Amino acid sequence: MEPAQPDGPAGPALAYRLTGSDRDGVLRELLALAARDRLPAADLGEQLAARVRWEGLVIGDVTSPLEQAAHRGAYRDVWTVVAAMLPRLLPDPGRQALRGLPGLVELGVAAAGWAGARGETPEVAAVAARPGPGSLTRRCRRLHTLLTRS
């Protein structure tokens, strides 16, 4: 396994390798980059969201390794990854949510809570404001409440 270079295209490289056959190795690399504050987390989130949107990557295949990384201490970086993904993946009104999206939002709730994240995310707020008891709406409400509390 050739490690992603912190000054190079680590986001795109990790986005492809995170769901490949060497998930343990990539997870170790992700954790090492995060520990050195060298993980391009926002870029990784954007790349993963693009893969979900345009290549059919299954959200659950992304959520699992990110959850492992959060539980191993990279919760701030995981929150940044999720925060970059959500605006690109949350559905417009009347559109169907992608399968696995409520789980990604739930991971966002956990990681944002651990990281002490604050600040409104307009796309999350928009979904949270929708009427109804749907799973995605409920989880976006929880995330929005967490991010905007004083």
N, C-alpha and C. Protein backbone atom coordinates (compact mmCIF):
# COMPACT_ATOMS: atom_id res chain seq x y z
N MET A 1 0.84 -1.18 0.00
CA MET A 1 0.00 0.00 0.00
C MET A 1 0.88 1.23 0.00
N GLU A 2 0.68 2.08 -0.97
CA GLU A 2 1.42 3.34 -1.02
C GLU A 2 0.60 4.40 -0.30
N PRO A 3 1.15 5.03 0.74
CA PRO A 3 0.37 6.00 1.50
C PRO A 3 0.10 7.26 0.70
N ALA A 4 -1.06 7.87 0.98
CA ALA A 4 -1.38 9.15 0.36
C ALA A 4 -0.43 10.20 0.91
N GLN A 5 0.00 11.08 0.08
CA GLN A 5 0.91 12.14 0.49
C GLN A 5 0.10 13.31 1.01
N PRO A 6 0.45 13.85 2.18
CA PRO A 6 -0.31 14.94 2.73
C PRO A 6 -0.30 16.19 1.88
N ASP A 7 0.70 16.39 1.03
CA ASP A 7 0.75 17.56 0.18
C ASP A 7 0.16 17.26 -1.21
N GLY A 8 -0.19 16.04 -1.46
CA GLY A 8 -0.74 15.66 -2.76
C GLY A 8 -2.22 15.40 -2.68
N PRO A 9 -2.72 14.59 -3.59
CA PRO A 9 -4.16 14.36 -3.68
C PRO A 9 -4.65 13.30 -2.69
N ALA A 10 -4.42 13.52 -1.41
CA ALA A 10 -4.81 12.53 -0.41
C ALA A 10 -6.32 12.33 -0.38
N GLY A 11 -7.10 13.40 -0.55
CA GLY A 11 -8.55 13.27 -0.51
C GLY A 11 -9.07 12.32 -1.58
N PRO A 12 -8.74 12.56 -2.86
CA PRO A 12 -9.20 11.64 -3.89
C PRO A 12 -8.66 10.22 -3.73
N ALA A 13 -7.40 10.11 -3.36
CA ALA A 13 -6.81 8.78 -3.19
C ALA A 13 -7.52 8.01 -2.08
N LEU A 14 -7.72 8.66 -0.95
CA LEU A 14 -8.40 8.00 0.17
C LEU A 14 -9.85 7.70 -0.16
N ALA A 15 -10.51 8.59 -0.90
CA ALA A 15 -11.91 8.38 -1.26
C ALA A 15 -12.08 7.09 -2.07
N TYR A 16 -11.13 6.80 -2.92
CA TYR A 16 -11.21 5.56 -3.69
C TYR A 16 -10.79 4.35 -2.88
N ARG A 17 -9.75 4.52 -2.09
CA ARG A 17 -9.21 3.37 -1.37
C ARG A 17 -9.98 3.04 -0.11
N LEU A 18 -10.73 4.00 0.45
CA LEU A 18 -11.46 3.78 1.70
C LEU A 18 -12.48 2.66 1.57
N THR A 19 -12.99 2.46 0.38
CA THR A 19 -13.99 1.42 0.17
C THR A 19 -13.44 0.26 -0.65
N GLY A 20 -12.14 0.19 -0.77
CA GLY A 20 -11.51 -0.89 -1.52
C GLY A 20 -11.26 -2.11 -0.66
N SER A 21 -10.39 -2.96 -1.14
CA SER A 21 -10.15 -4.23 -0.46
C SER A 21 -9.25 -4.10 0.77
N ASP A 22 -8.43 -3.07 0.85
CA ASP A 22 -7.53 -2.90 1.99
C ASP A 22 -8.06 -1.84 2.95
N ARG A 23 -9.27 -2.04 3.43
CA ARG A 23 -9.89 -1.04 4.30
C ARG A 23 -9.12 -0.85 5.60
N ASP A 24 -8.56 -1.93 6.14
CA ASP A 24 -7.80 -1.80 7.39
C ASP A 24 -6.57 -0.92 7.18
N GLY A 25 -5.86 -1.13 6.09
CA GLY A 25 -4.69 -0.33 5.80
C GLY A 25 -5.03 1.13 5.56
N VAL A 26 -6.10 1.38 4.84
CA VAL A 26 -6.52 2.75 4.57
C VAL A 26 -7.00 3.41 5.86
N LEU A 27 -7.69 2.65 6.70
CA LEU A 27 -8.12 3.19 7.99
C LEU A 27 -6.92 3.59 8.84
N ARG A 28 -5.89 2.74 8.85
CA ARG A 28 -4.66 3.09 9.58
C ARG A 28 -4.04 4.37 9.03
N GLU A 29 -4.02 4.49 7.71
CA GLU A 29 -3.46 5.68 7.08
C GLU A 29 -4.30 6.92 7.42
N LEU A 30 -5.61 6.78 7.34
CA LEU A 30 -6.49 7.89 7.69
C LEU A 30 -6.24 8.34 9.13
N LEU A 31 -6.14 7.39 10.04
CA LEU A 31 -5.90 7.72 11.45
C LEU A 31 -4.53 8.36 11.65
N ALA A 32 -3.52 7.89 10.93
CA ALA A 32 -2.19 8.48 11.04
C ALA A 32 -2.19 9.92 10.53
N LEU A 33 -2.84 10.17 9.40
CA LEU A 33 -2.93 11.53 8.87
C LEU A 33 -3.70 12.42 9.83
N ALA A 34 -4.79 11.91 10.39
CA ALA A 34 -5.59 12.69 11.34
C ALA A 34 -4.79 13.01 12.59
N ALA A 35 -4.01 12.05 13.07
CA ALA A 35 -3.21 12.27 14.27
C ALA A 35 -2.17 13.36 14.07
N ARG A 36 -1.69 13.50 12.83
CA ARG A 36 -0.70 14.54 12.52
C ARG A 36 -1.37 15.82 12.00
N ASP A 37 -2.70 15.85 12.06
CA ASP A 37 -3.48 17.00 11.57
C ASP A 37 -3.17 17.27 10.11
N ARG A 38 -3.04 16.20 9.33
CA ARG A 38 -2.69 16.30 7.91
C ARG A 38 -3.76 15.68 7.00
N LEU A 39 -4.88 15.28 7.58
CA LEU A 39 -5.94 14.68 6.77
C LEU A 39 -6.76 15.78 6.10
N PRO A 40 -6.85 15.78 4.78
CA PRO A 40 -7.68 16.77 4.10
C PRO A 40 -9.15 16.33 4.18
N ALA A 41 -9.72 16.46 5.36
CA ALA A 41 -11.03 15.88 5.65
C ALA A 41 -12.15 16.47 4.80
N ALA A 42 -12.16 17.78 4.60
CA ALA A 42 -13.22 18.39 3.79
C ALA A 42 -13.12 17.89 2.34
N ASP A 43 -11.92 17.82 1.83
CA ASP A 43 -11.71 17.31 0.47
C ASP A 43 -12.14 15.85 0.37
N LEU A 44 -11.80 15.08 1.38
CA LEU A 44 -12.22 13.67 1.40
C LEU A 44 -13.73 13.57 1.38
N GLY A 45 -14.41 14.39 2.17
CA GLY A 45 -15.87 14.38 2.19
C GLY A 45 -16.47 14.75 0.84
N GLU A 46 -15.90 15.76 0.20
CA GLU A 46 -16.38 16.16 -1.12
C GLU A 46 -16.18 15.04 -2.14
N GLN A 47 -15.03 14.39 -2.07
CA GLN A 47 -14.74 13.30 -3.01
C GLN A 47 -15.67 12.11 -2.78
N LEU A 48 -15.92 11.78 -1.50
CA LEU A 48 -16.82 10.67 -1.20
C LEU A 48 -18.23 10.98 -1.66
N ALA A 49 -18.69 12.20 -1.43
CA ALA A 49 -20.03 12.59 -1.88
C ALA A 49 -20.14 12.50 -3.41
N ALA A 50 -19.10 12.92 -4.10
CA ALA A 50 -19.11 12.82 -5.56
C ALA A 50 -19.18 11.37 -6.00
N ARG A 51 -18.46 10.51 -5.33
CA ARG A 51 -18.51 9.08 -5.68
C ARG A 51 -19.89 8.50 -5.43
N VAL A 52 -20.53 8.92 -4.33
CA VAL A 52 -21.90 8.46 -4.05
C VAL A 52 -22.83 8.94 -5.16
N ARG A 53 -22.75 10.21 -5.50
CA ARG A 53 -23.65 10.81 -6.49
C ARG A 53 -23.43 10.27 -7.90
N TRP A 54 -22.20 10.19 -8.33
CA TRP A 54 -21.92 9.93 -9.74
C TRP A 54 -21.45 8.51 -10.04
N GLU A 55 -20.98 7.79 -9.02
CA GLU A 55 -20.47 6.45 -9.28
C GLU A 55 -21.30 5.37 -8.59
N GLY A 56 -22.30 5.77 -7.83
CA GLY A 56 -23.16 4.79 -7.17
C GLY A 56 -22.55 4.15 -5.93
N LEU A 57 -21.53 4.79 -5.36
CA LEU A 57 -20.96 4.28 -4.12
C LEU A 57 -22.05 4.23 -3.06
N VAL A 58 -22.12 3.13 -2.34
CA VAL A 58 -23.14 2.94 -1.31
C VAL A 58 -22.72 3.70 -0.05
N ILE A 59 -23.62 4.51 0.48
CA ILE A 59 -23.29 5.34 1.64
C ILE A 59 -22.84 4.47 2.82
N GLY A 60 -23.46 3.32 3.02
CA GLY A 60 -23.07 2.44 4.11
C GLY A 60 -21.63 1.97 4.01
N ASP A 61 -21.11 1.86 2.79
CA ASP A 61 -19.72 1.47 2.60
C ASP A 61 -18.77 2.57 3.07
N VAL A 62 -19.26 3.79 3.12
CA VAL A 62 -18.47 4.93 3.60
C VAL A 62 -18.64 5.10 5.10
N THR A 63 -19.87 4.93 5.57
CA THR A 63 -20.19 5.19 6.97
C THR A 63 -19.42 4.27 7.91
N SER A 64 -19.31 3.01 7.55
CA SER A 64 -18.65 2.05 8.44
C SER A 64 -17.20 2.40 8.75
N PRO A 65 -16.33 2.63 7.75
CA PRO A 65 -14.95 2.98 8.10
C PRO A 65 -14.84 4.34 8.79
N LEU A 66 -15.71 5.27 8.43
CA LEU A 66 -15.68 6.58 9.11
C LEU A 66 -16.08 6.43 10.58
N GLU A 67 -17.06 5.58 10.83
CA GLU A 67 -17.46 5.33 12.21
C GLU A 67 -16.31 4.70 13.01
N GLN A 68 -15.61 3.78 12.39
CA GLN A 68 -14.44 3.17 13.06
C GLN A 68 -13.39 4.23 13.37
N ALA A 69 -13.15 5.13 12.42
CA ALA A 69 -12.16 6.19 12.63
C ALA A 69 -12.59 7.10 13.78
N ALA A 70 -13.88 7.43 13.84
CA ALA A 70 -14.38 8.29 14.92
C ALA A 70 -14.19 7.62 16.27
N HIS A 71 -14.50 6.34 16.34
CA HIS A 71 -14.37 5.61 17.60
C HIS A 71 -12.91 5.44 18.02
N ARG A 72 -12.00 5.59 17.07
CA ARG A 72 -10.57 5.49 17.38
C ARG A 72 -9.92 6.85 17.60
N GLY A 73 -10.75 7.89 17.72
CA GLY A 73 -10.25 9.20 18.11
C GLY A 73 -10.23 10.27 17.04
N ALA A 74 -10.56 9.94 15.80
CA ALA A 74 -10.52 10.93 14.72
C ALA A 74 -11.89 11.59 14.53
N TYR A 75 -12.63 11.79 15.62
CA TYR A 75 -14.00 12.30 15.52
C TYR A 75 -14.08 13.70 14.92
N ARG A 76 -13.10 14.56 15.16
CA ARG A 76 -13.13 15.91 14.56
C ARG A 76 -13.01 15.82 13.04
N ASP A 77 -12.09 15.00 12.59
CA ASP A 77 -11.92 14.83 11.15
C ASP A 77 -13.14 14.13 10.53
N VAL A 78 -13.68 13.16 11.23
CA VAL A 78 -14.88 12.48 10.72
C VAL A 78 -16.03 13.48 10.62
N TRP A 79 -16.18 14.34 11.63
CA TRP A 79 -17.23 15.36 11.54
C TRP A 79 -16.99 16.24 10.31
N THR A 80 -15.76 16.62 10.05
CA THR A 80 -15.46 17.46 8.88
C THR A 80 -15.80 16.74 7.59
N VAL A 81 -15.50 15.45 7.52
CA VAL A 81 -15.85 14.65 6.33
C VAL A 81 -17.36 14.63 6.15
N VAL A 82 -18.09 14.31 7.22
CA VAL A 82 -19.55 14.22 7.13
C VAL A 82 -20.14 15.59 6.80
N ALA A 83 -19.63 16.64 7.44
CA ALA A 83 -20.13 17.99 7.19
C ALA A 83 -19.94 18.40 5.73
N ALA A 84 -18.89 17.92 5.09
CA ALA A 84 -18.66 18.20 3.68
C ALA A 84 -19.56 17.35 2.78
N MET A 85 -19.93 16.17 3.25
CA MET A 85 -20.77 15.29 2.45
C MET A 85 -22.24 15.70 2.45
N LEU A 86 -22.75 16.06 3.61
CA LEU A 86 -24.20 16.27 3.75
C LEU A 86 -24.78 17.30 2.79
N PRO A 87 -24.19 18.48 2.62
CA PRO A 87 -24.80 19.43 1.69
C PRO A 87 -24.91 18.90 0.27
N ARG A 88 -24.04 17.99 -0.09
CA ARG A 88 -24.05 17.43 -1.44
C ARG A 88 -25.00 16.24 -1.59
N LEU A 89 -25.41 15.66 -0.45
CA LEU A 89 -26.22 14.44 -0.51
C LEU A 89 -27.64 14.59 0.00
N LEU A 90 -27.90 15.58 0.83
CA LEU A 90 -29.26 15.74 1.35
C LEU A 90 -30.21 16.08 0.20
N PRO A 91 -31.40 15.46 0.19
CA PRO A 91 -32.31 15.64 -0.95
C PRO A 91 -33.05 16.98 -0.90
N ASP A 92 -33.36 17.48 -2.07
CA ASP A 92 -34.23 18.64 -2.18
C ASP A 92 -35.64 18.22 -1.77
N PRO A 93 -36.49 19.18 -1.41
CA PRO A 93 -37.88 18.82 -1.04
C PRO A 93 -38.55 18.01 -2.15
N GLY A 94 -39.25 16.99 -1.72
CA GLY A 94 -39.97 16.13 -2.66
C GLY A 94 -39.13 15.05 -3.32
N ARG A 95 -37.85 15.05 -3.06
CA ARG A 95 -36.95 14.05 -3.65
C ARG A 95 -36.68 12.95 -2.63
N GLN A 96 -36.45 11.77 -3.13
CA GLN A 96 -36.15 10.61 -2.30
C GLN A 96 -34.73 10.70 -1.75
N ALA A 97 -34.58 10.39 -0.47
CA ALA A 97 -33.25 10.35 0.15
C ALA A 97 -32.50 9.10 -0.32
N LEU A 98 -31.22 9.23 -0.47
CA LEU A 98 -30.39 8.09 -0.82
C LEU A 98 -30.38 7.07 0.31
N ARG A 99 -30.35 5.83 -0.05
CA ARG A 99 -30.29 4.77 0.94
C ARG A 99 -29.02 4.92 1.79
N GLY A 100 -29.18 4.82 3.09
CA GLY A 100 -28.05 4.93 4.00
C GLY A 100 -27.80 6.34 4.51
N LEU A 101 -28.48 7.33 3.94
CA LEU A 101 -28.25 8.71 4.34
C LEU A 101 -28.61 8.97 5.81
N PRO A 102 -29.71 8.41 6.34
CA PRO A 102 -29.98 8.62 7.77
C PRO A 102 -28.83 8.12 8.66
N GLY A 103 -28.20 7.04 8.29
CA GLY A 103 -27.06 6.53 9.06
C GLY A 103 -25.87 7.47 9.02
N LEU A 104 -25.65 8.11 7.87
CA LEU A 104 -24.57 9.09 7.76
C LEU A 104 -24.86 10.30 8.64
N VAL A 105 -26.13 10.74 8.66
CA VAL A 105 -26.49 11.87 9.52
C VAL A 105 -26.32 11.48 10.98
N GLU A 106 -26.68 10.26 11.33
CA GLU A 106 -26.52 9.79 12.72
C GLU A 106 -25.04 9.78 13.11
N LEU A 107 -24.17 9.35 12.20
CA LEU A 107 -22.74 9.43 12.45
C LEU A 107 -22.33 10.88 12.65
N GLY A 108 -22.90 11.77 11.86
CA GLY A 108 -22.63 13.20 12.02
C GLY A 108 -23.04 13.71 13.39
N VAL A 109 -24.19 13.25 13.89
CA VAL A 109 -24.64 13.64 15.23
C VAL A 109 -23.60 13.21 16.27
N ALA A 110 -23.16 11.97 16.19
CA ALA A 110 -22.18 11.47 17.16
C ALA A 110 -20.86 12.21 17.06
N ALA A 111 -20.32 12.33 15.84
CA ALA A 111 -19.01 12.96 15.66
C ALA A 111 -19.06 14.44 16.02
N ALA A 112 -20.13 15.13 15.63
CA ALA A 112 -20.26 16.56 15.96
C ALA A 112 -20.36 16.74 17.47
N GLY A 113 -21.09 15.84 18.12
CA GLY A 113 -21.20 15.91 19.58
C GLY A 113 -19.86 15.71 20.26
N TRP A 114 -19.10 14.72 19.83
CA TRP A 114 -17.79 14.46 20.42
C TRP A 114 -16.83 15.61 20.15
N ALA A 115 -16.96 16.22 18.97
CA ALA A 115 -16.05 17.30 18.57
C ALA A 115 -16.47 18.65 19.14
N GLY A 116 -17.67 18.73 19.70
CA GLY A 116 -18.15 20.02 20.19
C GLY A 116 -18.42 20.99 19.05
N ALA A 117 -18.82 20.46 17.89
CA ALA A 117 -19.04 21.29 16.71
C ALA A 117 -20.24 22.21 16.91
N ARG A 118 -20.13 23.41 16.36
CA ARG A 118 -21.20 24.40 16.40
C ARG A 118 -21.28 25.09 15.06
N GLY A 119 -22.45 25.64 14.77
CA GLY A 119 -22.65 26.40 13.54
C GLY A 119 -23.70 25.76 12.67
N GLU A 120 -24.57 26.57 12.16
CA GLU A 120 -25.66 26.06 11.34
C GLU A 120 -25.17 25.60 9.97
N THR A 121 -25.71 24.51 9.52
CA THR A 121 -25.50 24.02 8.16
C THR A 121 -26.83 24.21 7.45
N PRO A 122 -26.93 25.13 6.49
CA PRO A 122 -28.21 25.45 5.87
C PRO A 122 -28.97 24.24 5.30
N GLU A 123 -28.25 23.32 4.69
CA GLU A 123 -28.92 22.15 4.10
C GLU A 123 -29.51 21.25 5.18
N VAL A 124 -28.80 21.09 6.29
CA VAL A 124 -29.32 20.30 7.42
C VAL A 124 -30.53 21.01 8.01
N ALA A 125 -30.43 22.33 8.19
CA ALA A 125 -31.54 23.12 8.74
C ALA A 125 -32.78 23.00 7.85
N ALA A 126 -32.60 23.00 6.55
CA ALA A 126 -33.73 22.90 5.62
C ALA A 126 -34.44 21.56 5.76
N VAL A 127 -33.68 20.48 5.86
CA VAL A 127 -34.30 19.16 6.03
C VAL A 127 -34.95 19.07 7.41
N ALA A 128 -34.30 19.62 8.43
CA ALA A 128 -34.83 19.59 9.79
C ALA A 128 -36.15 20.34 9.89
N ALA A 129 -36.34 21.35 9.07
CA ALA A 129 -37.57 22.16 9.11
C ALA A 129 -38.75 21.51 8.38
N ARG A 130 -38.51 20.45 7.68
CA ARG A 130 -39.59 19.79 6.93
C ARG A 130 -40.57 19.12 7.90
N PRO A 131 -41.83 19.11 7.54
CA PRO A 131 -42.81 18.42 8.39
C PRO A 131 -42.67 16.91 8.27
N GLY A 132 -43.14 16.22 9.27
CA GLY A 132 -43.18 14.77 9.21
C GLY A 132 -42.17 14.10 10.11
N PRO A 133 -42.44 12.83 10.36
CA PRO A 133 -41.60 12.06 11.30
C PRO A 133 -40.56 11.18 10.64
N GLY A 134 -40.22 11.42 9.40
CA GLY A 134 -39.29 10.54 8.69
C GLY A 134 -37.95 10.42 9.40
N SER A 135 -37.29 9.30 9.19
CA SER A 135 -36.01 9.02 9.84
C SER A 135 -34.97 10.08 9.51
N LEU A 136 -34.85 10.46 8.25
CA LEU A 136 -33.86 11.46 7.86
C LEU A 136 -34.20 12.81 8.50
N THR A 137 -35.46 13.18 8.48
CA THR A 137 -35.88 14.46 9.07
C THR A 137 -35.59 14.49 10.56
N ARG A 138 -35.92 13.41 11.27
CA ARG A 138 -35.66 13.35 12.72
C ARG A 138 -34.17 13.48 13.02
N ARG A 139 -33.35 12.79 12.28
CA ARG A 139 -31.91 12.83 12.52
C ARG A 139 -31.33 14.20 12.16
N CYS A 140 -31.83 14.82 11.11
CA CYS A 140 -31.38 16.17 10.77
C CYS A 140 -31.82 17.16 11.86
N ARG A 141 -32.98 16.96 12.44
CA ARG A 141 -33.40 17.82 13.55
C ARG A 141 -32.44 17.68 14.72
N ARG A 142 -32.06 16.45 15.04
CA ARG A 142 -31.11 16.23 16.14
C ARG A 142 -29.78 16.91 15.85
N LEU A 143 -29.29 16.76 14.62
CA LEU A 143 -28.01 17.37 14.25
C LEU A 143 -28.13 18.89 14.29
N HIS A 144 -29.20 19.43 13.74
CA HIS A 144 -29.38 20.88 13.73
C HIS A 144 -29.45 21.43 15.15
N THR A 145 -30.19 20.76 16.02
CA THR A 145 -30.29 21.18 17.41
C THR A 145 -28.93 21.17 18.09
N LEU A 146 -28.18 20.12 17.85
CA LEU A 146 -26.84 20.00 18.44
C LEU A 146 -25.92 21.14 17.95
N LEU A 147 -25.95 21.39 16.65
CA LEU A 147 -25.04 22.38 16.08
C LEU A 147 -25.40 23.82 16.44
N THR A 148 -26.66 24.07 16.75
CA THR A 148 -27.10 25.45 16.98
C THR A 148 -27.39 25.75 18.45
N ARG A 149 -27.16 24.80 19.32
CA ARG A 149 -27.42 25.09 20.74
C ARG A 149 -26.36 26.06 21.27
N SER A 150 -26.77 26.80 22.31
CA SER A 150 -25.82 27.78 22.86
C SER A 150 -24.97 27.19 23.95
